[in-house]
PDB file of all heavy atoms in Angstrom:
ATOM      1  N   ARG A   1       0.859  -1.175   0.000  1.00  0.00           N
ATOM      2  CA  ARG A   1       0.000   0.000   0.000  1.00  0.00           C
ATOM      3  C   ARG A   1       0.902   1.233   0.000  1.00  0.00           C
ATOM      4  O   ARG A   1       1.902   1.278   0.728  1.00  0.00           O
ATOM      5  CB  ARG A   1      -0.917   0.040   1.236  1.00  0.00           C
ATOM      6  CG  ARG A   1      -1.603  -1.285   1.554  1.00  0.00           C
ATOM      7  CD  ARG A   1      -2.561  -1.730   0.479  1.00  0.00           C
ATOM      8  NE  ARG A   1      -3.236  -2.967   0.841  1.00  0.00           N
ATOM      9  CZ  ARG A   1      -3.080  -4.105   0.196  1.00  0.00           C
ATOM     10  NH1 ARG A   1      -2.237  -4.166  -0.817  1.00  0.00           N
ATOM     11  NH2 ARG A   1      -3.734  -5.194   0.560  1.00  0.00           N
ATOM     12  N   VAL A   2       0.559   2.224  -0.806  1.00  0.00           N
ATOM     13  CA  VAL A   2       1.367   3.434  -0.903  1.00  0.00           C
ATOM     14  C   VAL A   2       0.532   4.632  -0.451  1.00  0.00           C
ATOM     15  O   VAL A   2      -0.547   4.873  -0.991  1.00  0.00           O
ATOM     16  CB  VAL A   2       1.883   3.646  -2.340  1.00  0.00           C
ATOM     17  CG1 VAL A   2       2.612   4.980  -2.453  1.00  0.00           C
ATOM     18  CG2 VAL A   2       2.811   2.508  -2.744  1.00  0.00           C
ATOM     19  N   LEU A   3       1.027   5.343   0.545  1.00  0.00           N
ATOM     20  CA  LEU A   3       0.362   6.529   1.057  1.00  0.00           C
ATOM     21  C   LEU A   3       0.864   7.735   0.274  1.00  0.00           C
ATOM     22  O   LEU A   3       2.066   8.040   0.270  1.00  0.00           O
ATOM     23  CB  LEU A   3       0.669   6.701   2.542  1.00  0.00           C
ATOM     24  CG  LEU A   3      -0.087   7.814   3.283  1.00  0.00           C
ATOM     25  CD1 LEU A   3      -1.572   7.495   3.372  1.00  0.00           C
ATOM     26  CD2 LEU A   3       0.504   8.016   4.684  1.00  0.00           C
ATOM     27  N   MET A   4      -0.051   8.423  -0.394  1.00  0.00           N
ATOM     28  CA  MET A   4       0.308   9.592  -1.190  1.00  0.00           C
ATOM     29  C   MET A   4       0.113  10.842  -0.341  1.00  0.00           C
ATOM     30  O   MET A   4      -0.946  11.041   0.267  1.00  0.00           O
ATOM     31  CB  MET A   4      -0.561   9.653  -2.455  1.00  0.00           C
ATOM     32  CG  MET A   4      -0.402   8.438  -3.346  1.00  0.00           C
ATOM     33  SD  MET A   4      -1.452   8.509  -4.816  1.00  0.00           S
ATOM     34  CE  MET A   4      -0.696   9.881  -5.703  1.00  0.00           C
ATOM     35  N   CYS A   5       1.140  11.687  -0.304  1.00  0.00           N
ATOM     36  CA  CYS A   5       1.148  12.820   0.624  1.00  0.00           C
ATOM     37  C   CYS A   5       1.813  14.043   0.003  1.00  0.00           C
ATOM     38  O   CYS A   5       2.596  13.946  -0.950  1.00  0.00           O
ATOM     39  CB  CYS A   5       1.942  12.477   1.899  1.00  0.00           C
ATOM     40  SG  CYS A   5       1.453  10.985   2.759  1.00  0.00           S
ATOM     41  N   TRP A   6       1.527  15.183   0.638  1.00  0.00           N
ATOM     42  CA  TRP A   6       2.361  16.366   0.508  1.00  0.00           C
ATOM     43  C   TRP A   6       3.269  16.366   1.732  1.00  0.00           C
ATOM     44  O   TRP A   6       2.800  16.289   2.864  1.00  0.00           O
ATOM     45  CB  TRP A   6       1.533  17.636   0.464  1.00  0.00           C
ATOM     46  CG  TRP A   6       2.369  18.888   0.480  1.00  0.00           C
ATOM     47  CD1 TRP A   6       2.791  19.580   1.580  1.00  0.00           C
ATOM     48  CD2 TRP A   6       2.920  19.567  -0.653  1.00  0.00           C
ATOM     49  NE1 TRP A   6       3.554  20.657   1.212  1.00  0.00           N
ATOM     50  CE2 TRP A   6       3.663  20.678  -0.151  1.00  0.00           C
ATOM     51  CE3 TRP A   6       2.863  19.358  -2.026  1.00  0.00           C
ATOM     52  CZ2 TRP A   6       4.321  21.558  -0.993  1.00  0.00           C
ATOM     53  CZ3 TRP A   6       3.533  20.240  -2.855  1.00  0.00           C
ATOM     54  CH2 TRP A   6       4.249  21.327  -2.349  1.00  0.00           C
ATOM     55  N   CYS A   7       4.579  16.440   1.509  1.00  0.00           N
ATOM     56  CA  CYS A   7       5.548  16.351   2.603  1.00  0.00           C
ATOM     57  C   CYS A   7       6.046  17.748   2.961  1.00  0.00           C
ATOM     58  O   CYS A   7       6.601  18.459   2.113  1.00  0.00           O
ATOM     59  CB  CYS A   7       6.719  15.459   2.180  1.00  0.00           C
ATOM     60  SG  CYS A   7       8.040  15.350   3.406  1.00  0.00           S
ATOM     61  N   GLU A   8       5.877  18.156   4.226  1.00  0.00           N
ATOM     62  CA  GLU A   8       6.318  19.472   4.655  1.00  0.00           C
ATOM     63  C   GLU A   8       7.844  19.558   4.656  1.00  0.00           C
ATOM     64  O   GLU A   8       8.418  20.615   4.365  1.00  0.00           O
ATOM     65  CB  GLU A   8       5.760  19.785   6.044  1.00  0.00           C
ATOM     66  CG  GLU A   8       4.243  19.993   6.062  1.00  0.00           C
ATOM     67  CD  GLU A   8       3.738  20.473   7.416  1.00  0.00           C
ATOM     68  OE1 GLU A   8       4.556  20.559   8.366  1.00  0.00           O
ATOM     69  OE2 GLU A   8       2.523  20.757   7.523  1.00  0.00           O
ATOM     70  N   LEU A   9       8.527  18.466   4.959  1.00  0.00           N
ATOM     71  CA  LEU A   9       9.987  18.479   5.006  1.00  0.00           C
ATOM     72  C   LEU A   9      10.577  18.763   3.628  1.00  0.00           C
ATOM     73  O   LEU A   9      11.514  19.547   3.490  1.00  0.00           O
ATOM     74  CB  LEU A   9      10.508  17.133   5.528  1.00  0.00           C
ATOM     75  CG  LEU A   9      12.024  16.964   5.571  1.00  0.00           C
ATOM     76  CD1 LEU A   9      12.630  17.943   6.584  1.00  0.00           C
ATOM     77  CD2 LEU A   9      12.390  15.512   5.920  1.00  0.00           C
ATOM     78  N   ARG A  10      10.021  18.136   2.590  1.00  0.00           N
ATOM     79  CA  ARG A  10      10.548  18.299   1.235  1.00  0.00           C
ATOM     80  C   ARG A  10       9.834  19.376   0.443  1.00  0.00           C
ATOM     81  O   ARG A  10      10.287  19.752  -0.643  1.00  0.00           O
ATOM     82  CB  ARG A  10      10.450  16.970   0.479  1.00  0.00           C
ATOM     83  CG  ARG A  10      11.182  15.810   1.136  1.00  0.00           C
ATOM     84  CD  ARG A  10      12.643  16.139   1.390  1.00  0.00           C
ATOM     85  NE  ARG A  10      13.358  14.987   1.932  1.00  0.00           N
ATOM     86  CZ  ARG A  10      14.538  15.053   2.504  1.00  0.00           C
ATOM     87  NH1 ARG A  10      15.157  16.234   2.632  1.00  0.00           N
ATOM     88  NH2 ARG A  10      15.122  13.963   2.977  1.00  0.00           N
ATOM     89  N   GLY A  11       8.711  19.867   0.953  1.00  0.00           N
ATOM     90  CA  GLY A  11       7.974  20.896   0.235  1.00  0.00           C
ATOM     91  C   GLY A  11       7.443  20.427  -1.101  1.00  0.00           C
ATOM     92  O   GLY A  11       7.429  21.178  -2.079  1.00  0.00           O
ATOM     93  N   GLY A  12       7.000  19.165  -1.166  1.00  0.00           N
ATOM     94  CA  GLY A  12       6.486  18.620  -2.418  1.00  0.00           C
ATOM     95  C   GLY A  12       5.772  17.304  -2.193  1.00  0.00           C
ATOM     96  O   GLY A  12       5.675  16.803  -1.065  1.00  0.00           O
ATOM     97  N   PHE A  13       5.288  16.731  -3.278  1.00  0.00           N
ATOM     98  CA  PHE A  13       4.577  15.464  -3.203  1.00  0.00           C
ATOM     99  C   PHE A  13       5.564  14.321  -2.981  1.00  0.00           C
ATOM    100  O   PHE A  13       6.611  14.242  -3.641  1.00  0.00           O
ATOM    101  CB  PHE A  13       3.793  15.218  -4.494  1.00  0.00           C
ATOM    102  CG  PHE A  13       2.631  16.170  -4.678  1.00  0.00           C
ATOM    103  CD1 PHE A  13       2.710  17.195  -5.607  1.00  0.00           C
ATOM    104  CD2 PHE A  13       1.483  16.038  -3.918  1.00  0.00           C
ATOM    105  CE1 PHE A  13       1.657  18.076  -5.778  1.00  0.00           C
ATOM    106  CE2 PHE A  13       0.422  16.912  -4.076  1.00  0.00           C
ATOM    107  CZ  PHE A  13       0.506  17.935  -5.008  1.00  0.00           C
ATOM    108  N   ARG A  14       5.233  13.440  -2.050  1.00  0.00           N
ATOM    109  CA  ARG A  14       6.022  12.257  -1.775  1.00  0.00           C
ATOM    110  C   ARG A  14       5.081  11.082  -1.517  1.00  0.00           C
ATOM    111  O   ARG A  14       3.969  11.258  -1.034  1.00  0.00           O
ATOM    112  CB  ARG A  14       6.934  12.467  -0.557  1.00  0.00           C
ATOM    113  CG  ARG A  14       8.016  13.522  -0.765  1.00  0.00           C
ATOM    114  CD  ARG A  14       9.030  13.093  -1.802  1.00  0.00           C
ATOM    115  NE  ARG A  14      10.159  13.996  -1.915  1.00  0.00           N
ATOM    116  CZ  ARG A  14      10.192  15.068  -2.720  1.00  0.00           C
ATOM    117  NH1 ARG A  14       9.143  15.368  -3.467  1.00  0.00           N
ATOM    118  NH2 ARG A  14      11.270  15.826  -2.771  1.00  0.00           N
ATOM    119  N   ASN A  15       5.571   9.867  -1.846  1.00  0.00           N
ATOM    120  CA  ASN A  15       4.791   8.658  -1.653  1.00  0.00           C
ATOM    121  C   ASN A  15       5.540   7.726  -0.708  1.00  0.00           C
ATOM    122  O   ASN A  15       6.762   7.570  -0.818  1.00  0.00           O
ATOM    123  CB  ASN A  15       4.549   7.957  -2.996  1.00  0.00           C
ATOM    124  CG  ASN A  15       3.908   8.897  -4.005  1.00  0.00           C
ATOM    125  OD1 ASN A  15       2.937   9.572  -3.699  1.00  0.00           O
ATOM    126  ND2 ASN A  15       4.459   8.950  -5.214  1.00  0.00           N
ATOM    127  N   PHE A  16       4.811   7.095   0.212  1.00  0.00           N
ATOM    128  CA  PHE A  16       5.429   6.291   1.255  1.00  0.00           C
ATOM    129  C   PHE A  16       4.794   4.913   1.321  1.00  0.00           C
ATOM    130  O   PHE A  16       3.577   4.800   1.492  1.00  0.00           O
ATOM    131  CB  PHE A  16       5.280   6.981   2.621  1.00  0.00           C
ATOM    132  CG  PHE A  16       5.864   8.366   2.674  1.00  0.00           C
ATOM    133  CD1 PHE A  16       5.080   9.474   2.399  1.00  0.00           C
ATOM    134  CD2 PHE A  16       7.200   8.554   2.992  1.00  0.00           C
ATOM    135  CE1 PHE A  16       5.607  10.759   2.435  1.00  0.00           C
ATOM    136  CE2 PHE A  16       7.734   9.835   3.036  1.00  0.00           C
ATOM    137  CZ  PHE A  16       6.948  10.938   2.752  1.00  0.00           C
ATOM    138  N   ARG A  17       5.606   3.878   1.172  1.00  0.00           N
ATOM    139  CA  ARG A  17       5.102   2.521   1.341  1.00  0.00           C
ATOM    140  C   ARG A  17       4.679   2.326   2.790  1.00  0.00           C
ATOM    141  O   ARG A  17       5.448   2.611   3.723  1.00  0.00           O
ATOM    142  CB  ARG A  17       6.178   1.507   0.962  1.00  0.00           C
ATOM    143  CG  ARG A  17       6.317   1.299  -0.526  1.00  0.00           C
ATOM    144  CD  ARG A  17       7.412   0.334  -0.891  1.00  0.00           C
ATOM    145  NE  ARG A  17       7.429  -0.883  -0.089  1.00  0.00           N
ATOM    146  CZ  ARG A  17       8.044  -2.009  -0.466  1.00  0.00           C
ATOM    147  NH1 ARG A  17       8.665  -2.054  -1.637  1.00  0.00           N
ATOM    148  NH2 ARG A  17       8.046  -3.071   0.311  1.00  0.00           N
ATOM    149  N   SER A  18       3.475   1.814   2.986  1.00  0.00           N
ATOM    150  CA  SER A  18       2.963   1.690   4.349  1.00  0.00           C
ATOM    151  C   SER A  18       3.777   0.694   5.175  1.00  0.00           C
ATOM    152  O   SER A  18       3.865   0.847   6.402  1.00  0.00           O
ATOM    153  CB  SER A  18       1.489   1.272   4.319  1.00  0.00           C
ATOM    154  OG  SER A  18       1.335   0.002   3.717  1.00  0.00           O
ATOM    155  N   ASP A  19       4.389  -0.316   4.529  1.00  0.00           N
ATOM    156  CA  ASP A  19       5.171  -1.282   5.297  1.00  0.00           C
ATOM    157  C   ASP A  19       6.514  -0.706   5.740  1.00  0.00           C
ATOM    158  O   ASP A  19       7.230  -1.342   6.525  1.00  0.00           O
ATOM    159  CB  ASP A  19       5.389  -2.556   4.474  1.00  0.00           C
ATOM    160  CG  ASP A  19       6.116  -2.294   3.169  1.00  0.00           C
ATOM    161  OD1 ASP A  19       5.568  -1.548   2.338  1.00  0.00           O
ATOM    162  OD2 ASP A  19       7.229  -2.830   2.977  1.00  0.00           O
ATOM    163  N   ARG A  20       6.863   0.503   5.260  1.00  0.00           N
ATOM    164  CA  ARG A  20       8.105   1.148   5.685  1.00  0.00           C
ATOM    165  C   ARG A  20       7.837   2.326   6.628  1.00  0.00           C
ATOM    166  O   ARG A  20       8.767   3.019   7.036  1.00  0.00           O
ATOM    167  CB  ARG A  20       8.903   1.615   4.463  1.00  0.00           C
ATOM    168  CG  ARG A  20       9.495   0.435   3.694  1.00  0.00           C
ATOM    169  CD  ARG A  20      10.286   0.868   2.494  1.00  0.00           C
ATOM    170  NE  ARG A  20      10.881  -0.296   1.831  1.00  0.00           N
ATOM    171  CZ  ARG A  20      11.272  -0.317   0.570  1.00  0.00           C
ATOM    172  NH1 ARG A  20      11.147   0.774  -0.171  1.00  0.00           N
ATOM    173  NH2 ARG A  20      11.792  -1.403   0.051  1.00  0.00           N
ATOM    174  N   ILE A  21       6.569   2.570   6.929  1.00  0.00           N
ATOM    175  CA  ILE A  21       6.231   3.560   7.947  1.00  0.00           C
ATOM    176  C   ILE A  21       6.315   2.859   9.300  1.00  0.00           C
ATOM    177  O   ILE A  21       5.552   1.925   9.577  1.00  0.00           O
ATOM    178  CB  ILE A  21       4.821   4.136   7.729  1.00  0.00           C
ATOM    179  CG1 ILE A  21       4.750   4.845   6.369  1.00  0.00           C
ATOM    180  CG2 ILE A  21       4.465   5.115   8.852  1.00  0.00           C
ATOM    181  CD1 ILE A  21       3.350   5.348   6.015  1.00  0.00           C
ATOM    182  N   THR A  22       7.267   3.266  10.118  1.00  0.00           N
ATOM    183  CA  THR A  22       7.507   2.567  11.393  1.00  0.00           C
ATOM    184  C   THR A  22       6.690   3.147  12.543  1.00  0.00           C
ATOM    185  O   THR A  22       6.514   2.491  13.569  1.00  0.00           O
ATOM    186  CB  THR A  22       8.994   2.609  11.752  1.00  0.00           C
ATOM    187  OG1 THR A  22       9.435   3.980  11.837  1.00  0.00           O
ATOM    188  CG2 THR A  22       9.821   1.890  10.683  1.00  0.00           C
ATOM    189  N   ASP A  23       6.190   4.367  12.367  1.00  0.00           N
ATOM    190  CA  ASP A  23       5.374   4.975  13.425  1.00  0.00           C
ATOM    191  C   ASP A  23       4.557   6.095  12.789  1.00  0.00           C
ATOM    192  O   ASP A  23       4.999   6.716  11.810  1.00  0.00           O
ATOM    193  CB  ASP A  23       6.256   5.537  14.543  1.00  0.00           C
ATOM    194  CG  ASP A  23       5.429   5.972  15.749  1.00  0.00           C
ATOM    195  OD1 ASP A  23       4.497   5.245  16.121  1.00  0.00           O
ATOM    196  OD2 ASP A  23       5.705   7.060  16.302  1.00  0.00           O
ATOM    197  N   ALA A  24       3.376   6.332  13.321  1.00  0.00           N
ATOM    198  CA  ALA A  24       2.522   7.406  12.792  1.00  0.00           C
ATOM    199  C   ALA A  24       1.658   7.963  13.900  1.00  0.00           C
ATOM    200  O   ALA A  24       1.154   7.219  14.754  1.00  0.00           O
ATOM    201  CB  ALA A  24       1.650   6.880  11.651  1.00  0.00           C
ATOM    202  N   GLU A  25       1.489   9.270  13.880  1.00  0.00           N
ATOM    203  CA  GLU A  25       0.661   9.958  14.867  1.00  0.00           C
ATOM    204  C   GLU A  25      -0.284  10.912  14.133  1.00  0.00           C
ATOM    205  O   GLU A  25       0.159  11.747  13.346  1.00  0.00           O
ATOM    206  CB  GLU A  25       1.527  10.746  15.847  1.00  0.00           C
ATOM    207  CG  GLU A  25       0.734  11.539  16.860  1.00  0.00           C
ATOM    208  CD  GLU A  25       1.599  12.458  17.692  1.00  0.00           C
ATOM    209  OE1 GLU A  25       2.851  12.460  17.493  1.00  0.00           O
ATOM    210  OE2 GLU A  25       1.044  13.199  18.531  1.00  0.00           O
ATOM    211  N   LEU A  26      -1.562  10.759  14.400  1.00  0.00           N
ATOM    212  CA  LEU A  26      -2.557  11.649  13.808  1.00  0.00           C
ATOM    213  C   LEU A  26      -2.568  12.958  14.577  1.00  0.00           C
ATOM    214  O   LEU A  26      -2.844  12.972  15.785  1.00  0.00           O
ATOM    215  CB  LEU A  26      -3.944  10.992  13.854  1.00  0.00           C
ATOM    216  CG  LEU A  26      -5.087  11.743  13.169  1.00  0.00           C
ATOM    217  CD1 LEU A  26      -4.839  11.871  11.669  1.00  0.00           C
ATOM    218  CD2 LEU A  26      -6.412  11.036  13.422  1.00  0.00           C
ATOM    219  N   LEU A  27      -2.234  14.036  13.892  1.00  0.00           N
ATOM    220  CA  LEU A  27      -2.178  15.337  14.552  1.00  0.00           C
ATOM    221  C   LEU A  27      -3.556  15.996  14.574  1.00  0.00           C
ATOM    222  O   LEU A  27      -4.421  15.678  13.768  1.00  0.00           O
ATOM    223  CB  LEU A  27      -1.167  16.241  13.830  1.00  0.00           C
ATOM    224  CG  LEU A  27       0.256  15.677  13.730  1.00  0.00           C
ATOM    225  CD1 LEU A  27       1.169  16.655  12.991  1.00  0.00           C
ATOM    226  CD2 LEU A  27       0.821  15.364  15.119  1.00  0.00           C
ATOM    227  N   GLY A  28      -3.742  16.907  15.483  1.00  0.00           N
ATOM    228  CA  GLY A  28      -5.049  17.549  15.612  1.00  0.00           C
ATOM    229  C   GLY A  28      -5.284  18.665  14.611  1.00  0.00           C
ATOM    230  O   GLY A  28      -6.340  19.293  14.629  1.00  0.00           O
TER     231      GLY A  28
END
């Protein structure tokens, strides 16, 4: 599964494989 995102660190679109996401926190 690939999570499609806008990444604040890179200032652009980035895609992340869900099996390589080691931790996630839903912000308010």
